[in-house]
Amino acid sequence: MKKIIITAAAVFALLSADAQLRTPAPSPTQTIKQDFGLASVELSYSRPAMKGRKVFGDLVPFGKVWRTGANNATTINFGEEVTIGGKKIPAGKYGLLSIPDKNNWTLIISKQLDVTSPAAYKEDMDVVRVDAKTMKLNDNVESFTMQFANVKPTSCELHIMWENTAVALPITVDVETKVMAQIDQLMNKDNRPYFNAAMYYMDNGKDLNQALAWFDKAVEGQPAAFWIHHQRANCLAKLGKKEDAKKAAEKSKELAAAAKNDDYVKLNEKLLAELK
């Protein structure tokens, strides 16, 4: 009887070990987070592989709603309000669905977060639909891939690629209104962001004279800050004040050398060469 009990226990242990066996997921999940605008965008999706199969028009049928991945529903989370297809979309988490076709896809941002089959899709939950022309890739993409590309301060694209097909979803954000509101608010406080405000004005084609005035204030507050002197020199150069720009660049170079910052020494030498 004792032997029988031991044998049964051994069998149970083996079965338990089998139940805990872990193997690689055939369509592994990927979560990517992209800083964008004044917040970020986060995408979560599963990545099936071609494995020698014909994908679009076969494995993924044309003309039917697709979860844009495998396994779980694909979701996209916007950290702030964005604009897609001309429509403003509040910050929050949404489902990303698509209807692939040979020459054109319909990309869907949906309130549904659980669509894993066409039958579960509800069109009245759409937030926006965008038409996207297909682009033919020179080389096959083995694993279904999505990535954020052409990331700029106010725009980016979500690229969707598999097999030899790619589509792009443009996303934009209104940074201008938010930054200008911040500048207006912060400039009424004691600790004013003169340098950052001046940089924003200079980098975004705004009033350079106002930017210079703020650089002057920033220099007053931090007279040894070589990086501020350098950007002030850049602003003066943009205003066509060549001689003043040279003096500012020389001052920045002197301060950078004293601080043993070779990068800014070189940046100022380059600027001075351009001002000759």
C-alpha atoms as a PDB file:
ATOM      1  CA  MET A   1       0.000   0.000   0.000  1.00  0.00           C
ATOM      2  CA  LYS A   2       2.875   2.326   0.859  1.00  0.00           C
ATOM      3  CA  LYS A   3       4.429   1.756  -2.599  1.00  0.00           C
ATOM      4  CA  ILE A   4       1.148   2.611  -4.311  1.00  0.00           C
ATOM      5  CA  ILE A   5       0.906   5.890  -2.440  1.00  0.00           C
ATOM      6  CA  ILE A   6       4.473   6.863  -3.386  1.00  0.00           C
ATOM      7  CA  THR A   7       3.841   6.066  -7.055  1.00  0.00           C
ATOM      8  CA  ALA A   8       0.664   8.124  -7.129  1.00  0.00           C
ATOM      9  CA  ALA A   9       2.470  11.042  -5.543  1.00  0.00           C
ATOM     10  CA  ALA A  10       5.254  10.819  -8.126  1.00  0.00           C
ATOM     11  CA  VAL A  11       2.739  10.821 -11.010  1.00  0.00           C
ATOM     12  CA  PHE A  12       0.970  13.855  -9.538  1.00  0.00           C
ATOM     13  CA  ALA A  13       4.289  15.670  -9.249  1.00  0.00           C
ATOM     14  CA  LEU A  14       5.081  14.990 -12.905  1.00  0.00           C
ATOM     15  CA  LEU A  15       1.663  16.187 -14.029  1.00  0.00           C
ATOM     16  CA  SER A  16       2.043  19.334 -11.954  1.00  0.00           C
ATOM     17  CA  ALA A  17       5.435  20.013 -13.524  1.00  0.00           C
ATOM     18  CA  ASP A  18       3.906  19.654 -17.003  1.00  0.00           C
ATOM     19  CA  ALA A  19       1.130  22.079 -16.104  1.00  0.00           C
ATOM     20  CA  GLN A  20       3.741  24.725 -15.235  1.00  0.00           C
ATOM     21  CA  LEU A  21       5.742  24.324 -18.450  1.00  0.00           C
ATOM     22  CA  ARG A  22       6.463  27.703 -20.051  1.00  0.00           C
ATOM     23  CA  THR A  23       7.144  28.125 -23.751  1.00  0.00           C
ATOM     24  CA  PRO A  24       7.693  31.239 -25.902  1.00  0.00           C
ATOM     25  CA  ALA A  25       4.502  32.992 -26.984  1.00  0.00           C
ATOM     26  CA  PRO A  26       3.842  32.494 -30.721  1.00  0.00           C
ATOM     27  CA  SER A  27       2.592  36.119 -30.938  1.00  0.00           C
ATOM     28  CA  PRO A  28       4.485  37.983 -28.198  1.00  0.00           C
ATOM     29  CA  THR A  29       3.006  41.164 -26.774  1.00  0.00           C
ATOM     30  CA  GLN A  30       4.862  44.441 -27.215  1.00  0.00           C
ATOM     31  CA  THR A  31       4.183  47.688 -25.380  1.00  0.00           C
ATOM     32  CA  ILE A  32       5.882  50.817 -26.711  1.00  0.00           C
ATOM     33  CA  LYS A  33       5.787  54.281 -25.187  1.00  0.00           C
ATOM     34  CA  GLN A  34       6.678  57.394 -27.155  1.00  0.00           C
ATOM     35  CA  ASP A  35       7.143  60.830 -25.617  1.00  0.00           C
ATOM     36  CA  PHE A  36       5.067  63.132 -27.784  1.00  0.00           C
ATOM     37  CA  GLY A  37       3.921  66.730 -27.449  1.00  0.00           C
ATOM     38  CA  LEU A  38       3.803  67.498 -23.736  1.00  0.00           C
ATOM     39  CA  ALA A  39       2.886  63.940 -22.748  1.00  0.00           C
ATOM     40  CA  SER A  40       3.255  60.488 -24.350  1.00  0.00           C
ATOM     41  CA  VAL A  41       1.496  57.837 -26.439  1.00  0.00           C
ATOM     42  CA  GLU A  42       1.532  54.188 -25.383  1.00  0.00           C
ATOM     43  CA  LEU A  43       0.655  51.270 -27.688  1.00  0.00           C
ATOM     44  CA  SER A  44       0.088  47.649 -26.688  1.00  0.00           C
ATOM     45  CA  TYR A  45      -0.338  44.878 -29.277  1.00  0.00           C
ATOM     46  CA  SER A  46       0.594  41.284 -30.097  1.00  0.00           C
ATOM     47  CA  ARG A  47       3.023  40.401 -32.887  1.00  0.00           C
ATOM     48  CA  PRO A  48       2.145  37.355 -35.023  1.00  0.00           C
ATOM     49  CA  ALA A  49       4.720  36.069 -37.521  1.00  0.00           C
ATOM     50  CA  MET A  50       4.290  35.223 -41.207  1.00  0.00           C
ATOM     51  CA  LYS A  51       5.753  31.697 -40.877  1.00  0.00           C
ATOM     52  CA  GLY A  52       5.590  31.216 -44.643  1.00  0.00           C
ATOM     53  CA  ARG A  53       1.912  32.121 -44.819  1.00  0.00           C
ATOM     54  CA  LYS A  54       0.169  34.557 -47.147  1.00  0.00           C
ATOM     55  CA  VAL A  55      -0.995  37.352 -44.832  1.00  0.00           C
ATOM     56  CA  PHE A  56      -3.174  40.067 -46.347  1.00  0.00           C
ATOM     57  CA  GLY A  57      -6.081  38.767 -48.347  1.00  0.00           C
ATOM     58  CA  ASP A  58      -5.717  35.339 -46.745  1.00  0.00           C
ATOM     59  CA  LEU A  59      -4.663  35.036 -43.083  1.00  0.00           C
ATOM     60  CA  VAL A  60      -5.994  38.588 -42.603  1.00  0.00           C
ATOM     61  CA  PRO A  61      -9.017  38.866 -44.936  1.00  0.00           C
ATOM     62  CA  PHE A  62      -9.646  41.987 -46.956  1.00  0.00           C
ATOM     63  CA  GLY A  63     -12.732  44.024 -46.085  1.00  0.00           C
ATOM     64  CA  LYS A  64     -13.162  42.723 -42.515  1.00  0.00           C
ATOM     65  CA  VAL A  65     -12.460  44.310 -39.150  1.00  0.00           C
ATOM     66  CA  TRP A  66      -9.095  43.188 -37.771  1.00  0.00           C
ATOM     67  CA  ARG A  67      -7.862  43.665 -34.219  1.00  0.00           C
ATOM     68  CA  THR A  68      -4.559  44.867 -35.736  1.00  0.00           C
ATOM     69  CA  GLY A  69      -2.501  42.156 -34.137  1.00  0.00           C
ATOM     70  CA  ALA A  70      -3.128  38.804 -32.471  1.00  0.00           C
ATOM     71  CA  ASN A  71      -4.447  37.451 -29.170  1.00  0.00           C
ATOM     72  CA  ASN A  72      -5.704  40.390 -27.096  1.00  0.00           C
ATOM     73  CA  ALA A  73      -7.220  43.608 -28.416  1.00  0.00           C
ATOM     74  CA  THR A  74      -4.772  46.286 -29.540  1.00  0.00           C
ATOM     75  CA  THR A  75      -4.945  49.481 -27.465  1.00  0.00           C
ATOM     76  CA  ILE A  76      -3.471  52.971 -27.718  1.00  0.00           C
ATOM     77  CA  ASN A  77      -3.303  55.398 -24.807  1.00  0.00           C
ATOM     78  CA  PHE A  78      -2.967  59.152 -25.384  1.00  0.00           C
ATOM     79  CA  GLY A  79      -1.527  61.177 -22.510  1.00  0.00           C
ATOM     80  CA  GLU A  80      -3.135  64.376 -23.801  1.00  0.00           C
ATOM     81  CA  GLU A  81      -5.676  65.467 -26.389  1.00  0.00           C
ATOM     82  CA  VAL A  82      -4.570  64.640 -29.930  1.00  0.00           C
ATOM     83  CA  THR A  83      -6.037  65.150 -33.387  1.00  0.00           C
ATOM     84  CA  ILE A  84      -6.517  62.242 -35.805  1.00  0.00           C
ATOM     85  CA  GLY A  85      -8.332  62.518 -39.114  1.00  0.00           C
ATOM     86  CA  GLY A  86      -9.287  66.103 -38.321  1.00  0.00           C
ATOM     87  CA  LYS A  87     -11.029  65.113 -35.081  1.00  0.00           C
ATOM     88  CA  LYS A  88      -9.890  66.008 -31.573  1.00  0.00           C
ATOM     89  CA  ILE A  89      -9.592  62.960 -29.350  1.00  0.00           C
ATOM     90  CA  PRO A  90      -9.494  63.443 -25.557  1.00  0.00           C
ATOM     91  CA  ALA A  91      -6.668  61.925 -23.526  1.00  0.00           C
ATOM     92  CA  GLY A  92      -7.369  58.317 -22.616  1.00  0.00           C
ATOM     93  CA  LYS A  93      -7.195  54.685 -23.703  1.00  0.00           C
ATOM     94  CA  TYR A  94      -8.768  53.489 -26.955  1.00  0.00           C
ATOM     95  CA  GLY A  95      -8.926  50.414 -29.145  1.00  0.00           C
ATOM     96  CA  LEU A  96      -7.013  50.434 -32.442  1.00  0.00           C
ATOM     97  CA  LEU A  97      -8.794  48.482 -35.177  1.00  0.00           C
ATOM     98  CA  SER A  98      -8.368  48.297 -38.928  1.00  0.00           C
ATOM     99  CA  ILE A  99     -10.078  47.092 -42.076  1.00  0.00           C
ATOM    100  CA  PRO A 100      -7.291  46.108 -44.488  1.00  0.00           C
ATOM    101  CA  ASP A 101      -7.799  46.106 -48.232  1.00  0.00           C
ATOM    102  CA  LYS A 102      -5.455  45.756 -51.174  1.00  0.00           C
ATOM    103  CA  ASN A 103      -4.911  49.458 -51.908  1.00  0.00           C
ATOM    104  CA  ASN A 104      -6.466  51.181 -48.910  1.00  0.00           C
ATOM    105  CA  TRP A 105      -7.007  50.510 -45.214  1.00  0.00           C
ATOM    106  CA  THR A 106      -9.549  51.966 -42.849  1.00  0.00           C
ATOM    107  CA  LEU A 107      -7.911  52.707 -39.480  1.00  0.00           C
ATOM    108  CA  ILE A 108     -10.298  52.988 -36.546  1.00  0.00           C
ATOM    109  CA  ILE A 109      -9.896  54.542 -33.120  1.00  0.00           C
ATOM    110  CA  SER A 110     -12.630  52.989 -30.995  1.00  0.00           C
ATOM    111  CA  LYS A 111     -13.997  53.291 -27.465  1.00  0.00           C
ATOM    112  CA  GLN A 112     -14.017  49.488 -27.423  1.00  0.00           C
ATOM    113  CA  LEU A 113     -11.009  47.983 -25.650  1.00  0.00           C
ATOM    114  CA  ASP A 114     -11.932  44.324 -26.053  1.00  0.00           C
ATOM    115  CA  VAL A 115     -12.417  43.636 -29.772  1.00  0.00           C
ATOM    116  CA  THR A 116     -10.676  40.371 -30.617  1.00  0.00           C
ATOM    117  CA  SER A 117     -12.993  39.269 -33.445  1.00  0.00           C
ATOM    118  CA  PRO A 118     -15.148  40.964 -36.092  1.00  0.00           C
ATOM    119  CA  ALA A 119     -18.276  39.788 -34.292  1.00  0.00           C
ATOM    120  CA  ALA A 120     -17.396  41.841 -31.198  1.00  0.00           C
ATOM    121  CA  TYR A 121     -16.963  45.091 -33.142  1.00  0.00           C
ATOM    122  CA  LYS A 122     -19.580  47.833 -32.721  1.00  0.00           C
ATOM    123  CA  GLU A 123     -19.359  50.613 -35.293  1.00  0.00           C
ATOM    124  CA  ASP A 124     -21.288  53.035 -33.083  1.00  0.00           C
ATOM    125  CA  MET A 125     -18.317  52.955 -30.677  1.00  0.00           C
ATOM    126  CA  ASP A 126     -15.996  54.459 -33.302  1.00  0.00           C
ATOM    127  CA  VAL A 127     -14.272  57.681 -32.297  1.00  0.00           C
ATOM    128  CA  VAL A 128     -12.780  58.337 -35.731  1.00  0.00           C
ATOM    129  CA  ARG A 129     -12.072  56.504 -38.990  1.00  0.00           C
ATOM    130  CA  VAL A 130      -9.125  57.348 -41.223  1.00  0.00           C
ATOM    131  CA  ASP A 131      -8.395  56.142 -44.766  1.00  0.00           C
ATOM    132  CA  ALA A 132      -4.767  55.135 -45.285  1.00  0.00           C
ATOM    133  CA  LYS A 133      -3.223  54.190 -48.617  1.00  0.00           C
ATOM    134  CA  THR A 134      -1.092  51.070 -48.600  1.00  0.00           C
ATOM    135  CA  MET A 135       2.626  51.314 -49.296  1.00  0.00           C
ATOM    136  CA  LYS A 136       4.548  48.385 -50.756  1.00  0.00           C
ATOM    137  CA  LEU A 137       7.731  47.441 -48.920  1.00  0.00           C
ATOM    138  CA  ASN A 138      10.819  46.194 -50.731  1.00  0.00           C
ATOM    139  CA  ASP A 139      11.433  43.473 -48.152  1.00  0.00           C
ATOM    140  CA  ASN A 140       8.986  41.329 -46.209  1.00  0.00           C
ATOM    141  CA  VAL A 141       8.445  42.106 -42.534  1.00  0.00           C
ATOM    142  CA  GLU A 142       8.316  38.701 -40.837  1.00  0.00           C
ATOM    143  CA  SER A 143       6.804  39.786 -37.502  1.00  0.00           C
ATOM    144  CA  PHE A 144       3.856  42.172 -37.433  1.00  0.00           C
ATOM    145  CA  THR A 145       5.348  45.537 -36.446  1.00  0.00           C
ATOM    146  CA  MET A 146       4.007  48.897 -35.315  1.00  0.00           C
ATOM    147  CA  GLN A 147       6.193  51.860 -34.440  1.00  0.00           C
ATOM    148  CA  PHE A 148       6.066  55.623 -34.019  1.00  0.00           C
ATOM    149  CA  ALA A 149       8.006  57.429 -36.748  1.00  0.00           C
ATOM    150  CA  ASN A 150       8.691  60.977 -37.967  1.00  0.00           C
ATOM    151  CA  VAL A 151       8.263  62.183 -34.387  1.00  0.00           C
ATOM    152  CA  LYS A 152       8.219  65.989 -34.244  1.00  0.00           C
ATOM    153  CA  PRO A 153       7.108  68.427 -31.507  1.00  0.00           C
ATOM    154  CA  THR A 154       3.555  68.594 -32.858  1.00  0.00           C
ATOM    155  CA  SER A 155       3.156  65.525 -35.094  1.00  0.00           C
ATOM    156  CA  CYS A 156       4.093  61.888 -35.511  1.00  0.00           C
ATOM    157  CA  GLU A 157       2.992  58.840 -37.483  1.00  0.00           C
ATOM    158  CA  LEU A 158       2.056  55.371 -36.331  1.00  0.00           C
ATOM    159  CA  HIS A 159       3.488  52.969 -38.915  1.00  0.00           C
ATOM    160  CA  ILE A 160       1.839  49.564 -39.316  1.00  0.00           C
ATOM    161  CA  MET A 161       3.906  46.958 -41.218  1.00  0.00           C
ATOM    162  CA  TRP A 162       3.617  43.285 -42.054  1.00  0.00           C
ATOM    163  CA  GLU A 163       4.466  41.087 -45.006  1.00  0.00           C
ATOM    164  CA  ASN A 164       5.256  43.608 -47.783  1.00  0.00           C
ATOM    165  CA  THR A 165       2.590  46.156 -46.820  1.00  0.00           C
ATOM    166  CA  ALA A 166       2.722  49.312 -44.698  1.00  0.00           C
ATOM    167  CA  VAL A 167       0.235  52.034 -43.773  1.00  0.00           C
ATOM    168  CA  ALA A 168       0.656  55.200 -41.694  1.00  0.00           C
ATOM    169  CA  LEU A 169      -1.660  56.921 -39.227  1.00  0.00           C
ATOM    170  CA  PRO A 170      -0.854  60.656 -38.773  1.00  0.00           C
ATOM    171  CA  ILE A 171      -1.285  62.044 -35.242  1.00  0.00           C
ATOM    172  CA  THR A 172      -0.998  65.718 -34.292  1.00  0.00           C
ATOM    173  CA  VAL A 173      -1.116  67.645 -31.033  1.00  0.00           C
ATOM    174  CA  ASP A 174      -1.658  71.317 -30.188  1.00  0.00           C
ATOM    175  CA  VAL A 175       1.524  72.238 -28.338  1.00  0.00           C
ATOM    176  CA  GLU A 176       1.467  75.920 -29.254  1.00  0.00           C
ATOM    177  CA  THR A 177      -1.611  76.873 -27.228  1.00  0.00           C
ATOM    178  CA  LYS A 178      -0.432  74.994 -24.144  1.00  0.00           C
ATOM    179  CA  VAL A 179       3.132  76.298 -24.172  1.00  0.00           C
ATOM    180  CA  MET A 180       2.063  79.899 -24.748  1.00  0.00           C
ATOM    181  CA  ALA A 181      -0.404  79.613 -21.866  1.00  0.00           C
ATOM    182  CA  GLN A 182       2.388  78.306 -19.644  1.00  0.00           C
ATOM    183  CA  ILE A 183       4.685  81.164 -20.641  1.00  0.00           C
ATOM    184  CA  ASP A 184       1.991  83.753 -19.954  1.00  0.00           C
ATOM    185  CA  GLN A 185       1.294  82.230 -16.551  1.00  0.00           C
ATOM    186  CA  LEU A 186       4.898  81.664 -15.462  1.00  0.00           C
ATOM    187  CA  MET A 187       6.104  85.104 -16.539  1.00  0.00           C
ATOM    188  CA  ASN A 188       3.884  86.548 -13.820  1.00  0.00           C
ATOM    189  CA  LYS A 189       5.766  84.665 -11.106  1.00  0.00           C
ATOM    190  CA  ASP A 190       9.014  85.494  -9.297  1.00  0.00           C
ATOM    191  CA  ASN A 191      10.995  82.548 -10.700  1.00  0.00           C
ATOM    192  CA  ARG A 192      10.478  83.258 -14.385  1.00  0.00           C
ATOM    193  CA  PRO A 193      11.624  80.745 -17.048  1.00  0.00           C
ATOM    194  CA  TYR A 194      13.429  83.317 -19.183  1.00  0.00           C
ATOM    195  CA  PHE A 195      15.806  80.881 -20.879  1.00  0.00           C
ATOM    196  CA  ASN A 196      13.217  78.217 -21.768  1.00  0.00           C
ATOM    197  CA  ALA A 197      10.757  80.829 -23.002  1.00  0.00           C
ATOM    198  CA  ALA A 198      13.452  82.483 -25.130  1.00  0.00           C
ATOM    199  CA  MET A 199      14.455  79.121 -26.608  1.00  0.00           C
ATOM    200  CA  TYR A 200      10.844  78.332 -27.490  1.00  0.00           C
ATOM    201  CA  TYR A 201      10.406  81.687 -29.211  1.00  0.00           C
ATOM    202  CA  MET A 202      13.678  81.345 -31.128  1.00  0.00           C
ATOM    203  CA  ASP A 203      13.118  77.723 -32.198  1.00  0.00           C
ATOM    204  CA  ASN A 204       9.541  78.277 -33.308  1.00  0.00           C
ATOM    205  CA  GLY A 205       9.859  81.433 -35.425  1.00  0.00           C
ATOM    206  CA  LYS A 206       8.326  83.825 -32.929  1.00  0.00           C
ATOM    207  CA  ASP A 207       9.353  87.366 -31.941  1.00  0.00           C
ATOM    208  CA  LEU A 208      13.179  87.268 -31.857  1.00  0.00           C
ATOM    209  CA  ASN A 209      13.391  90.649 -30.137  1.00  0.00           C
ATOM    210  CA  GLN A 210      11.281  89.294 -27.291  1.00  0.00           C
ATOM    211  CA  ALA A 211      13.467  86.181 -27.232  1.00  0.00           C
ATOM    212  CA  LEU A 212      16.590  88.364 -26.991  1.00  0.00           C
ATOM    213  CA  ALA A 213      15.089  90.355 -24.121  1.00  0.00           C
ATOM    214  CA  TRP A 214      14.475  87.109 -22.257  1.00  0.00           C
ATOM    215  CA  PHE A 215      18.005  85.842 -23.028  1.00  0.00           C
ATOM    216  CA  ASP A 216      19.307  89.114 -21.549  1.00  0.00           C
ATOM    217  CA  LYS A 217      17.284  88.487 -18.399  1.00  0.00           C
ATOM    218  CA  ALA A 218      18.532  84.907 -18.252  1.00  0.00           C
ATOM    219  CA  VAL A 219      22.153  86.093 -18.515  1.00  0.00           C
ATOM    220  CA  GLU A 220      21.551  88.567 -15.683  1.00  0.00           C
ATOM    221  CA  GLY A 221      20.344  85.732 -13.489  1.00  0.00           C
ATOM    222  CA  GLN A 222      23.145  83.312 -14.441  1.00  0.00           C
ATOM    223  CA  PRO A 223      26.109  85.331 -15.757  1.00  0.00           C
ATOM    224  CA  ALA A 224      28.440  82.277 -15.820  1.00  0.00           C
ATOM    225  CA  ALA A 225      26.015  80.060 -17.770  1.00  0.00           C
ATOM    226  CA  PHE A 226      27.934  79.564 -21.027  1.00  0.00           C
ATOM    227  CA  TRP A 227      24.998  77.756 -22.650  1.00  0.00           C
ATOM    228  CA  ILE A 228      22.779  80.813 -22.187  1.00  0.00           C
ATOM    229  CA  HIS A 229      25.409  83.101 -23.709  1.00  0.00           C
ATOM    230  CA  HIS A 230      25.703  80.699 -26.665  1.00  0.00           C
ATOM    231  CA  GLN A 231      21.975  80.705 -27.381  1.00  0.00           C
ATOM    232  CA  ARG A 232      21.906  84.470 -26.952  1.00  0.00           C
ATOM    233  CA  ALA A 233      24.627  84.625 -29.634  1.00  0.00           C
ATOM    234  CA  ASN A 234      22.470  82.453 -31.904  1.00  0.00           C
ATOM    235  CA  CYS A 235      19.528  84.790 -31.369  1.00  0.00           C
ATOM    236  CA  LEU A 236      21.652  87.849 -32.160  1.00  0.00           C
ATOM    237  CA  ALA A 237      22.888  86.150 -35.335  1.00  0.00           C
ATOM    238  CA  LYS A 238      19.302  85.441 -36.422  1.00  0.00           C
ATOM    239  CA  LEU A 239      18.505  89.120 -35.863  1.00  0.00           C
ATOM    240  CA  GLY A 240      21.414  90.093 -38.112  1.00  0.00           C
ATOM    241  CA  LYS A 241      23.377  91.668 -35.249  1.00  0.00           C
ATOM    242  CA  LYS A 242      26.641  90.088 -36.351  1.00  0.00           C
ATOM    243  CA  GLU A 243      29.128  91.994 -34.166  1.00  0.00           C
ATOM    244  CA  ASP A 244      27.031  91.559 -31.032  1.00  0.00           C
ATOM    245  CA  ALA A 245      26.660  87.861 -31.853  1.00  0.00           C
ATOM    246  CA  LYS A 246      30.456  87.507 -32.093  1.00  0.00           C
ATOM    247  CA  LYS A 247      30.921  89.127 -28.681  1.00  0.00           C
ATOM    248  CA  ALA A 248      28.305  86.826 -27.138  1.00  0.00           C
ATOM    249  CA  ALA A 249      29.903  83.751 -28.733  1.00  0.00           C
ATOM    250  CA  GLU A 250      33.383  84.780 -27.523  1.00  0.00           C
ATOM    251  CA  LYS A 251      32.007  85.226 -23.993  1.00  0.00           C
ATOM    252  CA  SER A 252      30.337  81.825 -24.145  1.00  0.00           C
ATOM    253  CA  LYS A 253      33.549  80.229 -25.413  1.00  0.00           C
ATOM    254  CA  GLU A 254      35.558  81.828 -22.598  1.00  0.00           C
ATOM    255  CA  LEU A 255      33.113  80.624 -19.934  1.00  0.00           C
ATOM    256  CA  ALA A 256      32.890  77.142 -21.485  1.00  0.00           C
ATOM    257  CA  ALA A 257      36.696  76.827 -21.521  1.00  0.00           C
ATOM    258  CA  ALA A 258      36.829  77.833 -17.854  1.00  0.00           C
ATOM    259  CA  ALA A 259      34.209  75.188 -17.092  1.00  0.00           C
ATOM    260  CA  LYS A 260      36.177  72.653 -19.192  1.00  0.00           C
ATOM    261  CA  ASN A 261      33.201  72.023 -21.447  1.00  0.00           C
ATOM    262  CA  ASP A 262      34.778  71.177 -24.805  1.00  0.00           C
ATOM    263  CA  ASP A 263      31.427  70.671 -26.524  1.00  0.00           C
ATOM    264  CA  TYR A 264      30.400  74.302 -26.064  1.00  0.00           C
ATOM    265  CA  VAL A 265      33.879  75.524 -26.919  1.00  0.00           C
ATOM    266  CA  LYS A 266      33.481  73.769 -30.288  1.00  0.00           C
ATOM    267  CA  LEU A 267      29.924  75.024 -30.767  1.00  0.00           C
ATOM    268  CA  ASN A 268      31.077  78.607 -30.265  1.00  0.00           C
ATOM    269  CA  GLU A 269      34.075  78.162 -32.565  1.00  0.00           C
ATOM    270  CA  LYS A 270      31.696  76.885 -35.256  1.00  0.00           C
ATOM    271  CA  LEU A 271      29.342  79.832 -34.741  1.00  0.00           C
ATOM    272  CA  LEU A 272      32.215  82.326 -34.869  1.00  0.00           C
ATOM    273  CA  ALA A 273      33.450  80.761 -38.120  1.00  0.00           C
ATOM    274  CA  GLU A 274      29.966  81.177 -39.606  1.00  0.00           C
ATOM    275  CA  LEU A 275      29.870  84.836 -38.522  1.00  0.00           C
ATOM    276  CA  LYS A 276      33.108  85.789 -40.313  1.00  0.00           C
END
